[in-house]
């Protein structure tokens, strides 16, 4: 819902939503990549 009824909020809402989804994916990638890379290093005693 656009509170201001300004058409410029339409692309703004889509950009915000896309930015949020991209950031969530980036967060999850960081978490998974970090664990995936770090576990073998830890297992080898390094």
ModelCIF file with pLDDT and N, C-alpha, C, O atoms, coordinates in Angstrom:
data_MODEL
#
_entry.id   MODEL 
#
_entity.id                         1 
_entity.type                       polymer 
_entity.pdbx_number_of_molecules   1 
#
_entity_poly.entity_id                      1 
_entity_poly.type                           'polypeptide(L)' 
_entity_poly.nstd_linkage                   no 
_entity_poly.nstd_monomer                   no 
_entity_poly.pdbx_seq_one_letter_code       
;(UNK)(UNK)(UNK)(UNK)(UNK)(UNK)(UNK)(UNK)(UNK)(UNK)(UNK)(UNK)(UNK)(UNK)(UNK)(UNK)
(UNK)(UNK)(UNK)(UNK)(UNK)(UNK)(UNK)(UNK)(UNK)(UNK)(UNK)(UNK)(UNK)(UNK)(UNK)(UNK)
(UNK)(UNK)(UNK)(UNK)(UNK)(UNK)(UNK)(UNK)(UNK)(UNK)(UNK)(UNK)(UNK)(UNK)
;
_entity_poly.pdbx_seq_one_letter_code_can   XXXXXXXXXXXXXXXXXXXXXXXXXXXXXXXXXXXXXXXXXXXXXX 
_entity_poly.pdbx_strand_id                 A 
#
loop_
_entity_poly_seq.entity_id 
_entity_poly_seq.num 
_entity_poly_seq.mon_id 
_entity_poly_seq.hetero 
1 1  UNK n 
1 2  UNK n 
1 3  UNK n 
1 4  UNK n 
1 5  UNK n 
1 6  UNK n 
1 7  UNK n 
1 8  UNK n 
1 9  UNK n 
1 10 UNK n 
1 11 UNK n 
1 12 UNK n 
1 13 UNK n 
1 14 UNK n 
1 15 UNK n 
1 16 UNK n 
1 17 UNK n 
1 18 UNK n 
1 19 UNK n 
1 20 UNK n 
1 21 UNK n 
1 22 UNK n 
1 23 UNK n 
1 24 UNK n 
1 25 UNK n 
1 26 UNK n 
1 27 UNK n 
1 28 UNK n 
1 29 UNK n 
1 30 UNK n 
1 31 UNK n 
1 32 UNK n 
1 33 UNK n 
1 34 UNK n 
1 35 UNK n 
1 36 UNK n 
1 37 UNK n 
1 38 UNK n 
1 39 UNK n 
1 40 UNK n 
1 41 UNK n 
1 42 UNK n 
1 43 UNK n 
1 44 UNK n 
1 45 UNK n 
1 46 UNK n 
#
_struct_asym.id          A 
_struct_asym.entity_id   1 
#
loop_
_ma_qa_metric.id 
_ma_qa_metric.mode 
_ma_qa_metric.name 
_ma_qa_metric.software_group_id 
_ma_qa_metric.type 
1 global pLDDT . pLDDT 
2 local  pLDDT . pLDDT 
#
_ma_qa_metric_global.metric_id      1 
_ma_qa_metric_global.metric_value   82.13 
_ma_qa_metric_global.model_id       1 
_ma_qa_metric_global.ordinal_id     1 
#
loop_
_ma_qa_metric_local.label_asym_id 
_ma_qa_metric_local.label_comp_id 
_ma_qa_metric_local.label_seq_id 
_ma_qa_metric_local.metric_id 
_ma_qa_metric_local.metric_value 
_ma_qa_metric_local.model_id 
_ma_qa_metric_local.ordinal_id 
A UNK 1  2 80.00 1 1  
A UNK 2  2 80.00 1 2  
A UNK 3  2 77.00 1 3  
A UNK 4  2 75.00 1 4  
A UNK 5  2 76.00 1 5  
A UNK 6  2 83.00 1 6  
A UNK 7  2 89.00 1 7  
A UNK 8  2 89.00 1 8  
A UNK 9  2 87.00 1 9  
A UNK 10 2 89.00 1 10 
A UNK 11 2 91.00 1 11 
A UNK 12 2 89.00 1 12 
A UNK 13 2 86.00 1 13 
A UNK 14 2 88.00 1 14 
A UNK 15 2 89.00 1 15 
A UNK 16 2 86.00 1 16 
A UNK 17 2 83.00 1 17 
A UNK 18 2 85.00 1 18 
A UNK 19 2 87.00 1 19 
A UNK 20 2 83.00 1 20 
A UNK 21 2 81.00 1 21 
A UNK 22 2 84.00 1 22 
A UNK 23 2 85.00 1 23 
A UNK 24 2 80.00 1 24 
A UNK 25 2 81.00 1 25 
A UNK 26 2 83.00 1 26 
A UNK 27 2 80.00 1 27 
A UNK 28 2 78.00 1 28 
A UNK 29 2 81.00 1 29 
A UNK 30 2 77.00 1 30 
A UNK 31 2 72.00 1 31 
A UNK 32 2 73.00 1 32 
A UNK 33 2 76.00 1 33 
A UNK 34 2 73.00 1 34 
A UNK 35 2 70.00 1 35 
A UNK 36 2 74.00 1 36 
A UNK 37 2 80.00 1 37 
A UNK 38 2 81.00 1 38 
A UNK 39 2 83.00 1 39 
A UNK 40 2 88.00 1 40 
A UNK 41 2 86.00 1 41 
A UNK 42 2 84.00 1 42 
A UNK 43 2 87.00 1 43 
A UNK 44 2 86.00 1 44 
A UNK 45 2 82.00 1 45 
A UNK 46 2 81.00 1 46 
#
loop_
_atom_site.group_PDB 
_atom_site.id 
_atom_site.type_symbol 
_atom_site.label_atom_id 
_atom_site.label_alt_id 
_atom_site.label_comp_id 
_atom_site.label_asym_id 
_atom_site.label_entity_id 
_atom_site.label_seq_id 
_atom_site.pdbx_PDB_ins_code 
_atom_site.Cartn_x 
_atom_site.Cartn_y 
_atom_site.Cartn_z 
_atom_site.occupancy 
_atom_site.B_iso_or_equiv 
_atom_site.pdbx_formal_charge 
_atom_site.auth_seq_id 
_atom_site.auth_comp_id 
_atom_site.auth_asym_id 
_atom_site.auth_atom_id 
_atom_site.pdbx_PDB_model_num 
ATOM 1   N N  . UNK A 1 1  ? 0.847  -1.198  0.000  1.00 80.00 ? 1  UNK A N  1 
ATOM 2   C CA . UNK A 1 1  ? 0.000  0.000   0.000  1.00 80.00 ? 1  UNK A CA 1 
ATOM 3   C C  . UNK A 1 1  ? 0.878  1.242   0.000  1.00 80.00 ? 1  UNK A C  1 
ATOM 4   O O  . UNK A 1 1  ? 1.827  1.344   0.778  1.00 80.00 ? 1  UNK A O  1 
ATOM 5   N N  . UNK A 1 2  ? 0.549  2.201   -0.893 1.00 80.00 ? 2  UNK A N  1 
ATOM 6   C CA . UNK A 1 2  ? 1.251  3.482   -0.962 1.00 80.00 ? 2  UNK A CA 1 
ATOM 7   C C  . UNK A 1 2  ? 0.454  4.529   -0.178 1.00 80.00 ? 2  UNK A C  1 
ATOM 8   O O  . UNK A 1 2  ? -0.662 4.880   -0.562 1.00 80.00 ? 2  UNK A O  1 
ATOM 9   N N  . UNK A 1 3  ? 1.020  5.016   0.902  1.00 77.00 ? 3  UNK A N  1 
ATOM 10  C CA . UNK A 1 3  ? 0.291  5.959   1.738  1.00 77.00 ? 3  UNK A CA 1 
ATOM 11  C C  . UNK A 1 3  ? 0.080  7.287   1.026  1.00 77.00 ? 3  UNK A C  1 
ATOM 12  O O  . UNK A 1 3  ? -0.981 7.898   1.158  1.00 77.00 ? 3  UNK A O  1 
ATOM 13  N N  . UNK A 1 4  ? 1.084  7.742   0.270  1.00 75.00 ? 4  UNK A N  1 
ATOM 14  C CA . UNK A 1 4  ? 1.035  9.085   -0.304 1.00 75.00 ? 4  UNK A CA 1 
ATOM 15  C C  . UNK A 1 4  ? 0.283  9.173   -1.622 1.00 75.00 ? 4  UNK A C  1 
ATOM 16  O O  . UNK A 1 4  ? 0.007  10.280  -2.084 1.00 75.00 ? 4  UNK A O  1 
ATOM 17  N N  . UNK A 1 5  ? -0.061 8.050   -2.247 1.00 76.00 ? 5  UNK A N  1 
ATOM 18  C CA . UNK A 1 5  ? -0.730 8.035   -3.544 1.00 76.00 ? 5  UNK A CA 1 
ATOM 19  C C  . UNK A 1 5  ? 0.084  8.761   -4.611 1.00 76.00 ? 5  UNK A C  1 
ATOM 20  O O  . UNK A 1 5  ? -0.472 9.312   -5.561 1.00 76.00 ? 5  UNK A O  1 
ATOM 21  N N  . UNK A 1 6  ? 1.386  8.757   -4.449 1.00 83.00 ? 6  UNK A N  1 
ATOM 22  C CA . UNK A 1 6  ? 2.296  9.350   -5.425 1.00 83.00 ? 6  UNK A CA 1 
ATOM 23  C C  . UNK A 1 6  ? 2.785  8.232   -6.334 1.00 83.00 ? 6  UNK A C  1 
ATOM 24  O O  . UNK A 1 6  ? 3.355  7.258   -5.844 1.00 83.00 ? 6  UNK A O  1 
ATOM 25  N N  . UNK A 1 7  ? 2.576  8.343   -7.667 1.00 89.00 ? 7  UNK A N  1 
ATOM 26  C CA . UNK A 1 7  ? 3.024  7.267   -8.564 1.00 89.00 ? 7  UNK A CA 1 
ATOM 27  C C  . UNK A 1 7  ? 4.502  6.937   -8.433 1.00 89.00 ? 7  UNK A C  1 
ATOM 28  O O  . UNK A 1 7  ? 4.910  5.811   -8.717 1.00 89.00 ? 7  UNK A O  1 
ATOM 29  N N  . UNK A 1 8  ? 5.314  7.908   -8.005 1.00 89.00 ? 8  UNK A N  1 
ATOM 30  C CA . UNK A 1 8  ? 6.748  7.644   -7.867 1.00 89.00 ? 8  UNK A CA 1 
ATOM 31  C C  . UNK A 1 8  ? 7.034  6.613   -6.777 1.00 89.00 ? 8  UNK A C  1 
ATOM 32  O O  . UNK A 1 8  ? 8.118  6.031   -6.738 1.00 89.00 ? 8  UNK A O  1 
ATOM 33  N N  . UNK A 1 9  ? 6.062  6.387   -5.891 1.00 87.00 ? 9  UNK A N  1 
ATOM 34  C CA . UNK A 1 9  ? 6.259  5.374   -4.857 1.00 87.00 ? 9  UNK A CA 1 
ATOM 35  C C  . UNK A 1 9  ? 6.180  3.957   -5.415 1.00 87.00 ? 9  UNK A C  1 
ATOM 36  O O  . UNK A 1 9  ? 6.654  3.016   -4.778 1.00 87.00 ? 9  UNK A O  1 
ATOM 37  N N  . UNK A 1 10 ? 5.589  3.794   -6.596 1.00 89.00 ? 10 UNK A N  1 
ATOM 38  C CA . UNK A 1 10 ? 5.467  2.452   -7.181 1.00 89.00 ? 10 UNK A CA 1 
ATOM 39  C C  . UNK A 1 10 ? 6.851  1.876   -7.483 1.00 89.00 ? 10 UNK A C  1 
ATOM 40  O O  . UNK A 1 10 ? 7.180  0.805   -6.974 1.00 89.00 ? 10 UNK A O  1 
ATOM 41  N N  . UNK A 1 11 ? 7.679  2.556   -8.300 1.00 91.00 ? 11 UNK A N  1 
ATOM 42  C CA . UNK A 1 11 ? 9.034  2.006   -8.507 1.00 91.00 ? 11 UNK A CA 1 
ATOM 43  C C  . UNK A 1 11 ? 9.870  2.004   -7.230 1.00 91.00 ? 11 UNK A C  1 
ATOM 44  O O  . UNK A 1 11 ? 10.737 1.150   -7.045 1.00 91.00 ? 11 UNK A O  1 
ATOM 45  N N  . UNK A 1 12 ? 9.598  2.980   -6.342 1.00 89.00 ? 12 UNK A N  1 
ATOM 46  C CA . UNK A 1 12 ? 10.345 3.019   -5.085 1.00 89.00 ? 12 UNK A CA 1 
ATOM 47  C C  . UNK A 1 12 ? 10.057 1.773   -4.245 1.00 89.00 ? 12 UNK A C  1 
ATOM 48  O O  . UNK A 1 12 ? 10.968 1.201   -3.646 1.00 89.00 ? 12 UNK A O  1 
ATOM 49  N N  . UNK A 1 13 ? 8.793  1.355   -4.204 1.00 86.00 ? 13 UNK A N  1 
ATOM 50  C CA . UNK A 1 13 ? 8.426  0.160   -3.447 1.00 86.00 ? 13 UNK A CA 1 
ATOM 51  C C  . UNK A 1 13 ? 9.060  -1.085  -4.048 1.00 86.00 ? 13 UNK A C  1 
ATOM 52  O O  . UNK A 1 13 ? 9.527  -1.961  -3.320 1.00 86.00 ? 13 UNK A O  1 
ATOM 53  N N  . UNK A 1 14 ? 9.076  -1.165  -5.366 1.00 88.00 ? 14 UNK A N  1 
ATOM 54  C CA . UNK A 1 14 ? 9.680  -2.324  -6.023 1.00 88.00 ? 14 UNK A CA 1 
ATOM 55  C C  . UNK A 1 14 ? 11.179 -2.355  -5.773 1.00 88.00 ? 14 UNK A C  1 
ATOM 56  O O  . UNK A 1 14 ? 11.749 -3.421  -5.538 1.00 88.00 ? 14 UNK A O  1 
ATOM 57  N N  . UNK A 1 15 ? 11.826 -1.185  -5.823 1.00 89.00 ? 15 UNK A N  1 
ATOM 58  C CA . UNK A 1 15 ? 13.265 -1.132  -5.550 1.00 89.00 ? 15 UNK A CA 1 
ATOM 59  C C  . UNK A 1 15 ? 13.571 -1.531  -4.110 1.00 89.00 ? 15 UNK A C  1 
ATOM 60  O O  . UNK A 1 15 ? 14.518 -2.275  -3.855 1.00 89.00 ? 15 UNK A O  1 
ATOM 61  N N  . UNK A 1 16 ? 12.760 -1.031  -3.163 1.00 86.00 ? 16 UNK A N  1 
ATOM 62  C CA . UNK A 1 16 ? 12.976 -1.377  -1.758 1.00 86.00 ? 16 UNK A CA 1 
ATOM 63  C C  . UNK A 1 16 ? 12.792 -2.873  -1.535 1.00 86.00 ? 16 UNK A C  1 
ATOM 64  O O  . UNK A 1 16 ? 13.587 -3.503  -0.838 1.00 86.00 ? 16 UNK A O  1 
ATOM 65  N N  . UNK A 1 17 ? 11.747 -3.440  -2.127 1.00 83.00 ? 17 UNK A N  1 
ATOM 66  C CA . UNK A 1 17 ? 11.492 -4.866  -1.956 1.00 83.00 ? 17 UNK A CA 1 
ATOM 67  C C  . UNK A 1 17 ? 12.618 -5.695  -2.559 1.00 83.00 ? 17 UNK A C  1 
ATOM 68  O O  . UNK A 1 17 ? 13.080 -6.664  -1.956 1.00 83.00 ? 17 UNK A O  1 
ATOM 69  N N  . UNK A 1 18 ? 13.051 -5.309  -3.746 1.00 85.00 ? 18 UNK A N  1 
ATOM 70  C CA . UNK A 1 18 ? 14.142 -6.050  -4.393 1.00 85.00 ? 18 UNK A CA 1 
ATOM 71  C C  . UNK A 1 18 ? 15.435 -5.909  -3.595 1.00 85.00 ? 18 UNK A C  1 
ATOM 72  O O  . UNK A 1 18 ? 16.184 -6.872  -3.434 1.00 85.00 ? 18 UNK A O  1 
ATOM 73  N N  . UNK A 1 19 ? 15.689 -4.700  -3.098 1.00 87.00 ? 19 UNK A N  1 
ATOM 74  C CA . UNK A 1 19 ? 16.897 -4.483  -2.308 1.00 87.00 ? 19 UNK A CA 1 
ATOM 75  C C  . UNK A 1 19 ? 16.866 -5.348  -1.044 1.00 87.00 ? 19 UNK A C  1 
ATOM 76  O O  . UNK A 1 19 ? 17.877 -5.930  -0.651 1.00 87.00 ? 19 UNK A O  1 
ATOM 77  N N  . UNK A 1 20 ? 15.690 -5.420  -0.417 1.00 83.00 ? 20 UNK A N  1 
ATOM 78  C CA . UNK A 1 20 ? 15.561 -6.233  0.804  1.00 83.00 ? 20 UNK A CA 1 
ATOM 79  C C  . UNK A 1 20 ? 15.798 -7.704  0.510  1.00 83.00 ? 20 UNK A C  1 
ATOM 80  O O  . UNK A 1 20 ? 16.537 -8.374  1.231  1.00 83.00 ? 20 UNK A O  1 
ATOM 81  N N  . UNK A 1 21 ? 15.169 -8.211  -0.552 1.00 81.00 ? 21 UNK A N  1 
ATOM 82  C CA . UNK A 1 21 ? 15.332 -9.617  -0.900 1.00 81.00 ? 21 UNK A CA 1 
ATOM 83  C C  . UNK A 1 21 ? 16.785 -9.919  -1.245 1.00 81.00 ? 21 UNK A C  1 
ATOM 84  O O  . UNK A 1 21 ? 17.323 -10.953 -0.848 1.00 81.00 ? 21 UNK A O  1 
ATOM 85  N N  . UNK A 1 22 ? 17.419 -9.009  -1.989 1.00 84.00 ? 22 UNK A N  1 
ATOM 86  C CA . UNK A 1 22 ? 18.825 -9.205  -2.324 1.00 84.00 ? 22 UNK A CA 1 
ATOM 87  C C  . UNK A 1 22 ? 19.702 -9.215  -1.089 1.00 84.00 ? 22 UNK A C  1 
ATOM 88  O O  . UNK A 1 22 ? 20.667 -9.976  -1.005 1.00 84.00 ? 22 UNK A O  1 
ATOM 89  N N  . UNK A 1 23 ? 19.362 -8.365  -0.132 1.00 85.00 ? 23 UNK A N  1 
ATOM 90  C CA . UNK A 1 23 ? 20.154 -8.300  1.093  1.00 85.00 ? 23 UNK A CA 1 
ATOM 91  C C  . UNK A 1 23 ? 19.967 -9.574  1.928  1.00 85.00 ? 23 UNK A C  1 
ATOM 92  O O  . UNK A 1 23 ? 20.923 -10.074 2.521  1.00 85.00 ? 23 UNK A O  1 
ATOM 93  N N  . UNK A 1 24 ? 18.735 -10.097 1.971  1.00 80.00 ? 24 UNK A N  1 
ATOM 94  C CA . UNK A 1 24 ? 18.487 -11.354 2.685  1.00 80.00 ? 24 UNK A CA 1 
ATOM 95  C C  . UNK A 1 24 ? 19.309 -12.478 2.064  1.00 80.00 ? 24 UNK A C  1 
ATOM 96  O O  . UNK A 1 24 ? 19.922 -13.279 2.770  1.00 80.00 ? 24 UNK A O  1 
ATOM 97  N N  . UNK A 1 25 ? 19.313 -12.525 0.745  1.00 81.00 ? 25 UNK A N  1 
ATOM 98  C CA . UNK A 1 25 ? 20.096 -13.559 0.065  1.00 81.00 ? 25 UNK A CA 1 
ATOM 99  C C  . UNK A 1 25 ? 21.580 -13.392 0.362  1.00 81.00 ? 25 UNK A C  1 
ATOM 100 O O  . UNK A 1 25 ? 22.294 -14.370 0.582  1.00 81.00 ? 25 UNK A O  1 
ATOM 101 N N  . UNK A 1 26 ? 22.041 -12.131 0.365  1.00 83.00 ? 26 UNK A N  1 
ATOM 102 C CA . UNK A 1 26 ? 23.444 -11.882 0.692  1.00 83.00 ? 26 UNK A CA 1 
ATOM 103 C C  . UNK A 1 26 ? 23.778 -12.321 2.105  1.00 83.00 ? 26 UNK A C  1 
ATOM 104 O O  . UNK A 1 26 ? 24.837 -12.899 2.349  1.00 83.00 ? 26 UNK A O  1 
ATOM 105 N N  . UNK A 1 27 ? 22.877 -12.047 3.032  1.00 80.00 ? 27 UNK A N  1 
ATOM 106 C CA . UNK A 1 27 ? 23.093 -12.479 4.421  1.00 80.00 ? 27 UNK A CA 1 
ATOM 107 C C  . UNK A 1 27 ? 23.191 -13.999 4.525  1.00 80.00 ? 27 UNK A C  1 
ATOM 108 O O  . UNK A 1 27 ? 24.083 -14.535 5.183  1.00 80.00 ? 27 UNK A O  1 
ATOM 109 N N  . UNK A 1 28 ? 22.253 -14.685 3.858  1.00 78.00 ? 28 UNK A N  1 
ATOM 110 C CA . UNK A 1 28 ? 22.245 -16.144 3.922  1.00 78.00 ? 28 UNK A CA 1 
ATOM 111 C C  . UNK A 1 28 ? 23.477 -16.740 3.235  1.00 78.00 ? 28 UNK A C  1 
ATOM 112 O O  . UNK A 1 28 ? 24.050 -17.723 3.704  1.00 78.00 ? 28 UNK A O  1 
ATOM 113 N N  . UNK A 1 29 ? 23.868 -16.129 2.123  1.00 81.00 ? 29 UNK A N  1 
ATOM 114 C CA . UNK A 1 29 ? 25.073 -16.617 1.442  1.00 81.00 ? 29 UNK A CA 1 
ATOM 115 C C  . UNK A 1 29 ? 26.286 -16.473 2.347  1.00 81.00 ? 29 UNK A C  1 
ATOM 116 O O  . UNK A 1 29 ? 27.114 -17.377 2.452  1.00 81.00 ? 29 UNK A O  1 
ATOM 117 N N  . UNK A 1 30 ? 26.377 -15.296 3.010  1.00 77.00 ? 30 UNK A N  1 
ATOM 118 C CA . UNK A 1 30 ? 27.515 -15.078 3.902  1.00 77.00 ? 30 UNK A CA 1 
ATOM 119 C C  . UNK A 1 30 ? 27.540 -16.137 5.001  1.00 77.00 ? 30 UNK A C  1 
ATOM 120 O O  . UNK A 1 30 ? 28.590 -16.702 5.305  1.00 77.00 ? 30 UNK A O  1 
ATOM 121 N N  . UNK A 1 31 ? 26.375 -16.400 5.592  1.00 72.00 ? 31 UNK A N  1 
ATOM 122 C CA . UNK A 1 31 ? 26.312 -17.365 6.695  1.00 72.00 ? 31 UNK A CA 1 
ATOM 123 C C  . UNK A 1 31 ? 26.710 -18.769 6.229  1.00 72.00 ? 31 UNK A C  1 
ATOM 124 O O  . UNK A 1 31 ? 27.516 -19.442 6.871  1.00 72.00 ? 31 UNK A O  1 
ATOM 125 N N  . UNK A 1 32 ? 26.125 -19.202 5.093  1.00 73.00 ? 32 UNK A N  1 
ATOM 126 C CA . UNK A 1 32 ? 26.436 -20.539 4.598  1.00 73.00 ? 32 UNK A CA 1 
ATOM 127 C C  . UNK A 1 32 ? 27.883 -20.638 4.121  1.00 73.00 ? 32 UNK A C  1 
ATOM 128 O O  . UNK A 1 32 ? 28.580 -21.605 4.428  1.00 73.00 ? 32 UNK A O  1 
ATOM 129 N N  . UNK A 1 33 ? 28.330 -19.629 3.368  1.00 76.00 ? 33 UNK A N  1 
ATOM 130 C CA . UNK A 1 33 ? 29.694 -19.669 2.835  1.00 76.00 ? 33 UNK A CA 1 
ATOM 131 C C  . UNK A 1 33 ? 30.713 -19.671 3.968  1.00 76.00 ? 33 UNK A C  1 
ATOM 132 O O  . UNK A 1 33 ? 31.726 -20.368 3.914  1.00 76.00 ? 33 UNK A O  1 
ATOM 133 N N  . UNK A 1 34 ? 30.423 -18.883 4.987  1.00 73.00 ? 34 UNK A N  1 
ATOM 134 C CA . UNK A 1 34 ? 31.328 -18.796 6.141  1.00 73.00 ? 34 UNK A CA 1 
ATOM 135 C C  . UNK A 1 34 ? 31.465 -20.152 6.812  1.00 73.00 ? 34 UNK A C  1 
ATOM 136 O O  . UNK A 1 34 ? 32.574 -20.607 7.091  1.00 73.00 ? 34 UNK A O  1 
ATOM 137 N N  . UNK A 1 35 ? 30.319 -20.801 7.073  1.00 70.00 ? 35 UNK A N  1 
ATOM 138 C CA . UNK A 1 35 ? 30.359 -22.108 7.738  1.00 70.00 ? 35 UNK A CA 1 
ATOM 139 C C  . UNK A 1 35 ? 31.006 -23.165 6.853  1.00 70.00 ? 35 UNK A C  1 
ATOM 140 O O  . UNK A 1 35 ? 31.816 -23.968 7.316  1.00 70.00 ? 35 UNK A O  1 
ATOM 141 N N  . UNK A 1 36 ? 30.638 -23.155 5.575  1.00 74.00 ? 36 UNK A N  1 
ATOM 142 C CA . UNK A 1 36 ? 31.164 -24.158 4.651  1.00 74.00 ? 36 UNK A CA 1 
ATOM 143 C C  . UNK A 1 36 ? 32.687 -24.068 4.537  1.00 74.00 ? 36 UNK A C  1 
ATOM 144 O O  . UNK A 1 36 ? 33.381 -25.084 4.505  1.00 74.00 ? 36 UNK A O  1 
ATOM 145 N N  . UNK A 1 37 ? 33.187 -22.842 4.476  1.00 80.00 ? 37 UNK A N  1 
ATOM 146 C CA . UNK A 1 37 ? 34.629 -22.656 4.320  1.00 80.00 ? 37 UNK A CA 1 
ATOM 147 C C  . UNK A 1 37 ? 35.379 -22.896 5.625  1.00 80.00 ? 37 UNK A C  1 
ATOM 148 O O  . UNK A 1 37 ? 36.499 -23.407 5.616  1.00 80.00 ? 37 UNK A O  1 
ATOM 149 N N  . UNK A 1 38 ? 34.762 -22.527 6.747  1.00 81.00 ? 38 UNK A N  1 
ATOM 150 C CA . UNK A 1 38 ? 35.483 -22.558 8.019  1.00 81.00 ? 38 UNK A CA 1 
ATOM 151 C C  . UNK A 1 38 ? 35.552 -23.947 8.643  1.00 81.00 ? 38 UNK A C  1 
ATOM 152 O O  . UNK A 1 38 ? 36.529 -24.268 9.319  1.00 81.00 ? 38 UNK A O  1 
ATOM 153 N N  . UNK A 1 39 ? 34.529 -24.777 8.429  1.00 83.00 ? 39 UNK A N  1 
ATOM 154 C CA . UNK A 1 39 ? 34.509 -26.094 9.081  1.00 83.00 ? 39 UNK A CA 1 
ATOM 155 C C  . UNK A 1 39 ? 35.698 -26.966 8.666  1.00 83.00 ? 39 UNK A C  1 
ATOM 156 O O  . UNK A 1 39 ? 36.348 -27.544 9.538  1.00 83.00 ? 39 UNK A O  1 
ATOM 157 N N  . UNK A 1 40 ? 36.007 -27.084 7.372  1.00 88.00 ? 40 UNK A N  1 
ATOM 158 C CA . UNK A 1 40 ? 37.186 -27.895 7.009  1.00 88.00 ? 40 UNK A CA 1 
ATOM 159 C C  . UNK A 1 40 ? 38.485 -27.345 7.593  1.00 88.00 ? 40 UNK A C  1 
ATOM 160 O O  . UNK A 1 40 ? 39.342 -28.115 8.026  1.00 88.00 ? 40 UNK A O  1 
ATOM 161 N N  . UNK A 1 41 ? 38.637 -26.019 7.608  1.00 86.00 ? 41 UNK A N  1 
ATOM 162 C CA . UNK A 1 41 ? 39.844 -25.419 8.179  1.00 86.00 ? 41 UNK A CA 1 
ATOM 163 C C  . UNK A 1 41 ? 39.969 -25.793 9.655  1.00 86.00 ? 41 UNK A C  1 
ATOM 164 O O  . UNK A 1 41 ? 41.048 -26.137 10.136 1.00 86.00 ? 41 UNK A O  1 
ATOM 165 N N  . UNK A 1 42 ? 38.824 -25.717 10.370 1.00 84.00 ? 42 UNK A N  1 
ATOM 166 C CA . UNK A 1 42 ? 38.836 -26.071 11.791 1.00 84.00 ? 42 UNK A CA 1 
ATOM 167 C C  . UNK A 1 42 ? 39.123 -27.556 11.993 1.00 84.00 ? 42 UNK A C  1 
ATOM 168 O O  . UNK A 1 42 ? 39.858 -27.932 12.906 1.00 84.00 ? 42 UNK A O  1 
ATOM 169 N N  . UNK A 1 43 ? 38.534 -28.407 11.128 1.00 87.00 ? 43 UNK A N  1 
ATOM 170 C CA . UNK A 1 43 ? 38.713 -29.854 11.276 1.00 87.00 ? 43 UNK A CA 1 
ATOM 171 C C  . UNK A 1 43 ? 40.167 -30.275 11.075 1.00 87.00 ? 43 UNK A C  1 
ATOM 172 O O  . UNK A 1 43 ? 40.622 -31.254 11.667 1.00 87.00 ? 43 UNK A O  1 
ATOM 173 N N  . UNK A 1 44 ? 40.890 -29.535 10.243 1.00 86.00 ? 44 UNK A N  1 
ATOM 174 C CA . UNK A 1 44 ? 42.300 -29.858 10.005 1.00 86.00 ? 44 UNK A CA 1 
ATOM 175 C C  . UNK A 1 44 ? 43.226 -29.231 11.055 1.00 86.00 ? 44 UNK A C  1 
ATOM 176 O O  . UNK A 1 44 ? 44.450 -29.297 10.936 1.00 86.00 ? 44 UNK A O  1 
ATOM 177 N N  . UNK A 1 45 ? 42.625 -28.622 12.084 1.00 82.00 ? 45 UNK A N  1 
ATOM 178 C CA . UNK A 1 45 ? 43.426 -28.082 13.180 1.00 82.00 ? 45 UNK A CA 1 
ATOM 179 C C  . UNK A 1 45 ? 44.169 -26.809 12.841 1.00 82.00 ? 45 UNK A C  1 
ATOM 180 O O  . UNK A 1 45 ? 45.163 -26.475 13.485 1.00 82.00 ? 45 UNK A O  1 
ATOM 181 N N  . UNK A 1 46 ? 43.686 -26.084 11.817 1.00 81.00 ? 46 UNK A N  1 
ATOM 182 C CA . UNK A 1 46 ? 44.376 -24.873 11.372 1.00 81.00 ? 46 UNK A CA 1 
ATOM 183 C C  . UNK A 1 46 ? 43.782 -23.605 11.966 1.00 81.00 ? 46 UNK A C  1 
ATOM 184 O O  . UNK A 1 46 ? 44.260 -22.507 11.681 1.00 81.00 ? 46 UNK A O  1 
#
